[in-house]
Amino acid sequence: MNTTAAQAIEAADWKVLGPALLSFTHDVIARFRWRGLKVTTSPEGRLTIGDKSPDDFIFEAAEKLVHGPRTYRKDMTLEVNLRRTIESDIDNFKKKTRRRPPILDRTRAEAIANPEHPLDTLIDGDETEYPMEKDELVRRQREMLEAFRLIITGEKELLLLLDAYEKEKYKPAEIEDATNIDAARVSELKRKLKQRADKFIMNHPQYADLNPLKEAL
């Protein structure tokens, strides 16, 4: 047992440190695209990934600093030690739980080979073991797209551009053919749509793992 770490944890003012670490852990979780895992938001607005909450990551980080395998650095404060461990653990958790990307992010060659609607043919790497996760991801994809469409209601060109993306039309000439939008304006509209999408995700963190515009933009 690392007694220095244990003493620092026992002596810490957790009324101050706890909320700071919860906020930090939430922000680290929100950086990633959590494809294939259910993302929920607590009443306090913090993200939980699958069955892992910010509190879980904080508790596990403290355990690892006291009992290993993480090394407690005496030249750093307890908070910095915990932050470093939490960030590393979330990154490792992401790598271990990574699923195949949604078909919404597939290549054009894949789309041509399998032209069915991407939401209806969504495949997860662990589909046979987690059929409910697949259904939940499909439901959330549809829910997010419907909510995002409401945000850009009234902006006809952005709605047309989004429709073109769903049909795997990404190049200016393709978009012009599909929407009658002048190809010269496509780049400007892409930037505008991306700004709307980024703002939407920022205001709806429960969809932080979903990004159907990723390949298009």
Protein backbone atom coordinates (compact mmCIF):
# COMPACT_ATOMS: atom_id res chain seq x y z
CA MET A 1 0.00 0.00 0.00
CA ASN A 2 1.21 3.52 -0.79
CA THR A 3 0.88 5.27 2.58
CA THR A 4 1.61 8.71 1.11
CA ALA A 5 -1.32 8.40 -1.26
CA ALA A 6 -3.56 6.97 1.46
CA GLN A 7 -2.71 9.83 3.83
CA ALA A 8 -3.27 12.45 1.15
CA ILE A 9 -6.67 10.99 0.29
CA GLU A 10 -7.70 10.81 3.95
CA ALA A 11 -6.60 14.40 4.61
CA ALA A 12 -8.22 15.88 1.48
CA ASP A 13 -11.17 18.26 1.68
CA TRP A 14 -13.56 16.18 -0.39
CA LYS A 15 -16.30 18.81 -0.25
CA VAL A 16 -14.07 20.85 -2.55
CA LEU A 17 -12.07 18.13 -4.29
CA GLY A 18 -15.04 15.85 -5.03
CA PRO A 19 -17.06 18.32 -7.17
CA ALA A 20 -13.89 19.44 -8.96
CA LEU A 21 -13.02 15.86 -9.89
CA LEU A 22 -16.61 15.08 -10.94
CA SER A 23 -16.60 18.06 -13.28
CA PHE A 24 -13.19 17.09 -14.66
CA THR A 25 -14.22 13.45 -15.20
CA HIS A 26 -17.41 14.50 -16.98
CA ASP A 27 -15.39 16.74 -19.31
CA VAL A 28 -12.95 13.92 -20.14
CA ILE A 29 -15.82 11.51 -20.88
CA ALA A 30 -17.47 14.12 -23.12
CA ARG A 31 -14.34 14.40 -25.29
CA PHE A 32 -14.85 10.95 -26.79
CA ARG A 33 -17.30 9.52 -29.30
CA TRP A 34 -18.75 6.59 -27.33
CA ARG A 35 -20.03 4.47 -30.20
CA GLY A 36 -21.82 1.29 -29.20
CA LEU A 37 -22.22 2.20 -25.52
CA LYS A 38 -25.27 3.73 -23.91
CA VAL A 39 -24.69 7.30 -22.72
CA THR A 40 -26.94 8.64 -19.99
CA THR A 41 -27.03 11.91 -18.07
CA SER A 42 -27.46 12.11 -14.31
CA PRO A 43 -29.85 14.62 -12.69
CA GLU A 44 -26.75 16.74 -12.09
CA GLY A 45 -26.00 16.68 -15.83
CA ARG A 46 -22.98 14.35 -15.70
CA LEU A 47 -22.40 11.61 -18.22
CA THR A 48 -22.39 7.88 -17.49
CA ILE A 49 -20.96 5.53 -20.10
CA GLY A 50 -22.45 2.05 -20.04
CA ASP A 51 -22.31 1.21 -16.34
CA LYS A 52 -19.38 3.56 -15.55
CA SER A 53 -20.16 6.86 -13.85
CA PRO A 54 -17.70 9.67 -13.01
CA ASP A 55 -17.84 8.52 -9.37
CA ASP A 56 -16.69 5.06 -10.44
CA PHE A 57 -13.66 6.44 -12.28
CA ILE A 58 -12.73 8.64 -9.31
CA PHE A 59 -13.04 5.80 -6.78
CA GLU A 60 -11.04 3.43 -8.97
CA ALA A 61 -8.34 6.05 -9.51
CA ALA A 62 -7.95 6.52 -5.74
CA GLU A 63 -7.78 2.73 -5.25
CA LYS A 64 -5.10 2.39 -7.92
CA LEU A 65 -2.99 5.15 -6.38
CA VAL A 66 -3.15 3.55 -2.94
CA HIS A 67 -2.91 -0.12 -3.88
CA GLY A 68 -1.39 0.05 -7.38
CA PRO A 69 -0.80 -0.26 -10.22
CA ARG A 70 -0.75 3.54 -10.57
CA THR A 71 2.22 5.39 -9.11
CA TYR A 72 1.55 8.28 -6.74
CA ARG A 73 3.93 11.11 -7.59
CA LYS A 74 4.99 13.05 -4.51
CA ASP A 75 5.98 16.05 -6.61
CA MET A 76 2.34 16.53 -7.62
CA THR A 77 -0.76 17.34 -5.63
CA LEU A 78 -3.38 14.71 -4.87
CA GLU A 79 -5.76 16.33 -7.34
CA VAL A 80 -3.21 16.23 -10.16
CA ASN A 81 -2.40 12.59 -9.39
CA LEU A 82 -6.08 11.70 -9.49
CA ARG A 83 -6.72 13.68 -12.67
CA ARG A 84 -3.84 11.97 -14.47
CA THR A 85 -5.06 8.55 -13.39
CA ILE A 86 -8.71 9.27 -14.25
CA GLU A 87 -7.83 10.56 -17.72
CA SER A 88 -5.64 7.53 -18.42
CA ASP A 89 -8.30 5.12 -17.15
CA ILE A 90 -11.03 6.68 -19.30
CA ASP A 91 -8.78 6.48 -22.35
CA ASN A 92 -8.05 2.81 -21.62
CA PHE A 93 -11.75 2.12 -21.02
CA LYS A 94 -12.51 3.69 -24.40
CA LYS A 95 -9.97 1.45 -26.15
CA LYS A 96 -11.23 -1.72 -24.46
CA THR A 97 -14.89 -1.04 -25.23
CA ARG A 98 -14.48 0.30 -28.75
CA ARG A 99 -17.14 -1.01 -31.13
CA ARG A 100 -17.26 -0.95 -34.90
CA PRO A 101 -18.29 2.51 -36.16
CA PRO A 102 -21.96 3.02 -37.02
CA ILE A 103 -22.70 2.45 -40.69
CA LEU A 104 -23.62 6.12 -40.86
CA ASP A 105 -19.84 6.66 -40.90
CA ARG A 106 -19.11 3.97 -43.53
CA THR A 107 -17.22 4.64 -46.75
CA ARG A 108 -18.92 5.16 -50.10
CA ALA A 109 -17.64 1.77 -51.29
CA GLU A 110 -19.34 0.12 -48.32
CA ALA A 111 -22.52 2.06 -49.02
CA ILE A 112 -22.57 0.89 -52.65
CA ALA A 113 -21.98 -2.72 -51.60
CA ASN A 114 -24.81 -2.50 -49.05
CA PRO A 115 -27.33 0.18 -50.09
CA GLU A 116 -29.91 -0.57 -47.39
CA HIS A 117 -30.76 2.18 -44.94
CA PRO A 118 -27.80 2.53 -42.56
CA LEU A 119 -29.90 2.75 -39.42
CA ASP A 120 -31.74 -0.46 -40.26
CA THR A 121 -28.54 -2.36 -41.04
CA LEU A 122 -26.44 -1.09 -38.14
CA ILE A 123 -23.91 -3.75 -37.11
CA ASP A 124 -22.10 -3.86 -33.82
CA GLY A 125 -18.98 -5.94 -33.27
CA ASP A 126 -20.65 -7.64 -30.31
CA GLU A 127 -24.10 -7.84 -31.85
CA THR A 128 -24.77 -11.47 -30.92
CA GLU A 129 -23.85 -10.83 -27.30
CA TYR A 130 -25.50 -7.39 -26.98
CA PRO A 131 -28.55 -7.23 -29.27
CA MET A 132 -30.24 -4.73 -26.96
CA GLU A 133 -27.28 -2.36 -27.27
CA LYS A 134 -27.68 -2.40 -31.05
CA ASP A 135 -31.39 -1.59 -30.78
CA GLU A 136 -30.67 1.16 -28.28
CA LEU A 137 -28.02 2.71 -30.52
CA VAL A 138 -30.36 2.65 -33.52
CA ARG A 139 -33.10 4.27 -31.43
CA ARG A 140 -30.76 6.98 -30.17
CA GLN A 141 -29.43 7.67 -33.68
CA ARG A 142 -32.95 8.25 -34.93
CA GLU A 143 -33.89 10.26 -31.87
CA MET A 144 -30.83 12.48 -32.27
CA LEU A 145 -31.44 13.09 -35.99
CA GLU A 146 -35.06 14.01 -35.34
CA ALA A 147 -34.05 16.41 -32.58
CA PHE A 148 -31.32 17.94 -34.75
CA ARG A 149 -33.77 18.43 -37.64
CA LEU A 150 -36.01 20.44 -35.33
CA ILE A 151 -33.07 22.74 -34.57
CA ILE A 152 -32.57 23.57 -38.26
CA THR A 153 -36.26 23.70 -39.17
CA GLY A 154 -36.83 26.73 -41.38
CA GLU A 155 -33.31 26.53 -42.87
CA LYS A 156 -34.26 24.78 -46.09
CA GLU A 157 -30.76 24.49 -47.54
CA LEU A 158 -29.33 22.95 -44.37
CA LEU A 159 -32.15 20.40 -44.31
CA LEU A 160 -31.44 19.55 -47.96
CA LEU A 161 -27.74 19.21 -47.17
CA LEU A 162 -28.50 16.87 -44.26
CA ASP A 163 -30.71 14.79 -46.55
CA ALA A 164 -27.85 14.59 -49.05
CA TYR A 165 -25.47 13.36 -46.34
CA GLU A 166 -27.92 10.62 -45.37
CA LYS A 167 -27.87 9.51 -49.00
CA GLU A 168 -24.05 9.38 -48.91
CA LYS A 169 -23.73 12.47 -51.11
CA TYR A 170 -20.66 14.36 -49.87
CA LYS A 171 -18.97 15.98 -52.86
CA PRO A 172 -20.19 19.44 -54.04
CA ALA A 173 -21.19 18.10 -57.48
CA GLU A 174 -23.09 15.18 -55.93
CA ILE A 175 -24.86 17.50 -53.52
CA GLU A 176 -25.79 19.88 -56.33
CA ASP A 177 -27.31 17.00 -58.32
CA ALA A 178 -29.25 15.77 -55.30
CA THR A 179 -30.46 19.14 -53.96
CA ASN A 180 -30.13 21.74 -56.73
CA ILE A 181 -27.93 23.77 -54.38
CA ASP A 182 -25.20 25.53 -56.34
CA ALA A 183 -21.97 23.57 -55.84
CA ALA A 184 -20.13 26.83 -55.21
CA ARG A 185 -22.18 27.33 -52.01
CA VAL A 186 -21.73 23.82 -50.61
CA SER A 187 -18.55 24.54 -48.62
CA GLU A 188 -20.19 27.50 -46.90
CA LEU A 189 -23.28 25.45 -46.07
CA LYS A 190 -21.14 22.58 -44.78
CA ARG A 191 -19.43 24.93 -42.34
CA LYS A 192 -22.77 26.31 -41.25
CA LEU A 193 -24.26 22.85 -40.74
CA LYS A 194 -21.21 21.73 -38.77
CA GLN A 195 -21.53 24.76 -36.48
CA ARG A 196 -25.18 23.87 -35.88
CA ALA A 197 -24.27 20.22 -35.20
CA ASP A 198 -21.44 21.13 -32.81
CA LYS A 199 -23.71 23.49 -30.88
CA PHE A 200 -26.45 20.84 -30.79
CA ILE A 201 -24.10 18.23 -29.31
CA MET A 202 -22.78 20.76 -26.78
CA ASN A 203 -26.32 21.45 -25.61
CA HIS A 204 -27.33 17.77 -25.70
CA PRO A 205 -24.44 15.85 -24.06
CA GLN A 206 -26.53 12.68 -23.98
CA TYR A 207 -25.70 12.39 -27.69
CA ALA A 208 -21.97 13.06 -27.29
CA ASP A 209 -21.11 9.61 -28.65
CA LEU A 210 -23.13 10.09 -31.84
CA ASN A 211 -21.92 12.04 -34.85
CA PRO A 212 -23.58 11.12 -38.15
CA LEU A 213 -21.88 14.07 -39.86
CA LYS A 214 -18.36 12.84 -39.07
CA GLU A 215 -17.45 11.42 -42.47
CA ALA A 216 -19.23 14.15 -44.37
CA LEU A 217 -17.63 17.19 -42.79
